[in-house]
Amino acid sequence: MRLETGTAAPFFSRRDDAGNEVTLDDYAGHALVLFFYPKAFTPGCTAESCDFRDRHEAFYAAGYEIIGVSPDPVDELARFRSEHALPYPMLSDPDHAMAEAYGAWGMKKNYGREYEGLIRSTIVIDADGLVERAWYNVKATGHAERVARDLAVG
């Protein structure tokens, strides 16, 4: 199930890279960019995370907060965030419940093999808690730039 523009963003409650509970309600009144990625420290996920890092000031200036979400455990996310100087929180979704709720979990195909897994996706939630935009099955490289361009950020 993919989210449609204008629908209410699903509630979430996940632990961040510091072990703190983070919920959708924490961002009430703020626009939010959630990007879902499969695995910390892999080349594509590192490139995408660093691309959002390199553009974070423009997103913030335009009123958007950024959060990265993956199935990685909290301690792995802490190390990932620290090593790459990521200025935004990273959420741990080990049971992929958040990814499922946001349409970022499902069947994937890789080299002819089908399996269930995280679908690289970005969901933008407006200040009222509604889905503003959603991109699914995106390429890691250049995606943050495309999101910034489509949202007229920086």
Protein backbone atom coordinates (compact mmCIF):
# COMPACT_ATOMS: atom_id res chain seq x y z
CA MET A 1 0.00 0.00 0.00
CA ARG A 2 1.50 3.29 -1.08
CA LEU A 3 0.50 6.55 0.53
CA GLU A 4 -1.46 9.07 -1.48
CA THR A 5 -0.99 12.83 -1.42
CA GLY A 6 -3.38 14.50 1.03
CA THR A 7 -3.90 11.46 3.27
CA ALA A 8 -3.01 11.49 6.96
CA ALA A 9 0.52 10.28 7.66
CA PRO A 10 0.52 7.07 9.72
CA PHE A 11 1.50 7.47 13.35
CA PHE A 12 4.93 6.13 14.28
CA SER A 13 6.88 5.61 17.46
CA ARG A 14 10.47 4.43 16.98
CA ARG A 15 13.82 4.70 18.76
CA ASP A 16 16.38 7.07 17.32
CA ASP A 17 20.15 6.63 17.10
CA ALA A 18 20.49 7.90 20.71
CA GLY A 19 17.87 5.47 22.01
CA ASN A 20 15.18 8.14 22.48
CA GLU A 21 11.58 7.48 21.51
CA VAL A 22 10.52 9.64 18.57
CA THR A 23 6.92 9.93 17.41
CA LEU A 24 5.09 11.66 14.59
CA ASP A 25 3.51 13.89 17.25
CA ASP A 26 6.97 15.27 18.09
CA TYR A 27 6.88 16.96 14.68
CA ALA A 28 3.36 18.41 14.88
CA GLY A 29 3.37 21.79 13.17
CA HIS A 30 6.57 21.00 11.24
CA ALA A 31 7.02 19.66 7.73
CA LEU A 32 9.01 16.44 7.66
CA VAL A 33 11.05 14.52 5.08
CA LEU A 34 11.24 10.80 5.95
CA PHE A 35 13.64 8.80 3.84
CA PHE A 36 13.64 5.02 4.14
CA TYR A 37 16.84 3.19 3.23
CA PRO A 38 17.74 -0.53 3.48
CA LYS A 39 21.05 -0.69 5.39
CA ALA A 40 23.54 1.66 7.00
CA PHE A 41 27.11 1.65 5.69
CA THR A 42 26.20 0.21 2.29
CA PRO A 43 27.36 2.35 -0.65
CA GLY A 44 23.93 3.49 -1.87
CA CYS A 45 22.52 4.16 1.59
CA THR A 46 25.64 6.07 2.61
CA ALA A 47 25.49 8.18 -0.56
CA GLU A 48 21.82 8.99 -0.06
CA SER A 49 22.26 9.84 3.64
CA CYS A 50 25.22 12.08 2.86
CA ASP A 51 23.31 13.77 0.03
CA PHE A 52 20.55 14.69 2.51
CA ARG A 53 23.28 15.81 4.94
CA ASP A 54 24.81 18.07 2.30
CA ARG A 55 21.42 19.68 1.58
CA HIS A 56 20.02 19.72 5.13
CA GLU A 57 20.50 23.47 5.63
CA ALA A 58 18.43 24.23 2.53
CA PHE A 59 15.69 21.83 3.68
CA TYR A 60 15.69 23.39 7.17
CA ALA A 61 15.60 26.92 5.72
CA ALA A 62 12.54 25.89 3.69
CA GLY A 63 10.87 24.56 6.87
CA TYR A 64 11.52 20.82 6.47
CA GLU A 65 12.95 18.56 9.15
CA ILE A 66 14.71 15.37 7.95
CA ILE A 67 14.67 11.85 9.43
CA GLY A 68 16.35 8.72 8.05
CA VAL A 69 14.68 5.36 8.74
CA SER A 70 16.14 1.85 8.38
CA PRO A 71 15.80 -1.60 9.95
CA ASP A 72 19.27 -1.21 11.52
CA PRO A 73 19.61 -1.43 15.32
CA VAL A 74 20.05 1.76 17.36
CA ASP A 75 23.76 1.21 18.03
CA GLU A 76 24.50 0.74 14.31
CA LEU A 77 22.59 3.93 13.51
CA ALA A 78 24.54 5.83 16.18
CA ARG A 79 27.81 4.74 14.61
CA PHE A 80 26.53 5.54 11.10
CA ARG A 81 25.35 9.00 12.10
CA SER A 82 28.61 9.77 13.90
CA GLU A 83 30.92 8.50 11.14
CA HIS A 84 29.14 10.51 8.47
CA ALA A 85 28.33 13.62 10.57
CA LEU A 86 24.62 13.33 9.81
CA PRO A 87 22.82 16.34 11.34
CA TYR A 88 19.40 14.72 11.54
CA PRO A 89 18.06 11.77 13.57
CA MET A 90 18.08 8.20 12.31
CA LEU A 91 15.21 5.93 13.38
CA SER A 92 15.47 2.20 13.95
CA ASP A 93 12.60 0.16 12.47
CA PRO A 94 13.76 -3.43 13.15
CA ASP A 95 10.32 -5.01 12.77
CA HIS A 96 9.67 -2.85 9.66
CA ALA A 97 6.24 -1.81 11.03
CA MET A 98 6.90 1.83 10.18
CA ALA A 99 8.14 0.97 6.69
CA GLU A 100 5.03 -1.14 6.12
CA ALA A 101 2.73 1.67 7.30
CA TYR A 102 4.44 4.09 4.92
CA GLY A 103 4.43 1.70 1.93
CA ALA A 104 8.22 1.28 2.05
CA TRP A 105 8.23 -2.48 2.68
CA GLY A 106 7.27 -5.10 0.12
CA MET A 107 8.35 -7.39 -2.67
CA LYS A 108 11.60 -6.52 -4.39
CA LYS A 109 13.37 -8.00 -7.36
CA ASN A 110 17.14 -8.22 -7.58
CA TYR A 111 18.96 -10.16 -10.29
CA GLY A 112 15.80 -12.13 -11.00
CA ARG A 113 15.28 -13.11 -7.36
CA GLU A 114 12.12 -11.94 -5.55
CA TYR A 115 12.11 -11.26 -1.82
CA GLU A 116 10.51 -9.02 0.79
CA GLY A 117 12.49 -6.04 1.93
CA LEU A 118 12.75 -2.31 2.39
CA ILE A 119 11.89 -0.28 -0.69
CA ARG A 120 13.98 2.89 -0.86
CA SER A 121 11.34 5.60 -0.47
CA THR A 122 10.89 9.19 0.64
CA ILE A 123 7.70 10.56 2.17
CA VAL A 124 7.14 14.26 2.81
CA ILE A 125 4.64 15.16 5.51
CA ASP A 126 3.32 18.69 5.75
CA ALA A 127 2.92 20.71 8.97
CA ASP A 128 -0.68 19.46 9.28
CA GLY A 129 0.39 15.80 9.28
CA LEU A 130 -0.75 15.09 5.72
CA VAL A 131 1.29 13.40 3.00
CA GLU A 132 2.60 16.15 0.75
CA ARG A 133 4.64 13.94 -1.61
CA ALA A 134 5.77 10.33 -1.84
CA TRP A 135 8.49 8.73 -3.95
CA TYR A 136 8.87 4.94 -4.03
CA ASN A 137 11.57 2.63 -5.36
CA VAL A 138 13.99 5.48 -5.93
CA LYS A 139 17.66 5.43 -6.89
CA ALA A 140 19.97 6.40 -4.03
CA THR A 141 22.31 8.64 -5.99
CA GLY A 142 20.81 12.02 -6.82
CA HIS A 143 17.55 11.39 -4.99
CA ALA A 144 18.02 14.09 -2.31
CA GLU A 145 18.65 16.58 -5.10
CA ARG A 146 15.45 15.51 -6.88
CA VAL A 147 13.45 15.87 -3.64
CA ALA A 148 14.94 19.33 -3.05
CA ARG A 149 14.15 20.38 -6.63
CA ASP A 150 10.57 19.04 -6.51
CA LEU A 151 9.94 20.81 -3.18
CA ALA A 152 11.64 23.99 -4.47
CA VAL A 153 14.18 23.79 -1.65
CA GLY A 154 17.35 25.89 -1.95
